[in-house]
């Protein structure tokens, strides 16, 4: 009877260790997913900043062209 009790205790401890390991794996997966989402957000932010910079440059170029046209018309 004593042997069965010891086996039961060992099985119980093994089960608790397994549950703890399972929880740790789930936490790791959650953390990994959060990091991936952060990376995607970071890349999206970089693309947005790049697009905004590109549009700003285009507006600036258009302003320069308009200024040159106006200067040409003023000369005429």
Foldseek 3Di string as FASTA:
>chain_A
DVVVVVVVVVVVVVVVVVVVVVVVVVVVVVVVVVVVVVVVVVVVVVVVVVVVVVVVVVVVVVVVVVVVVVVVVVVD
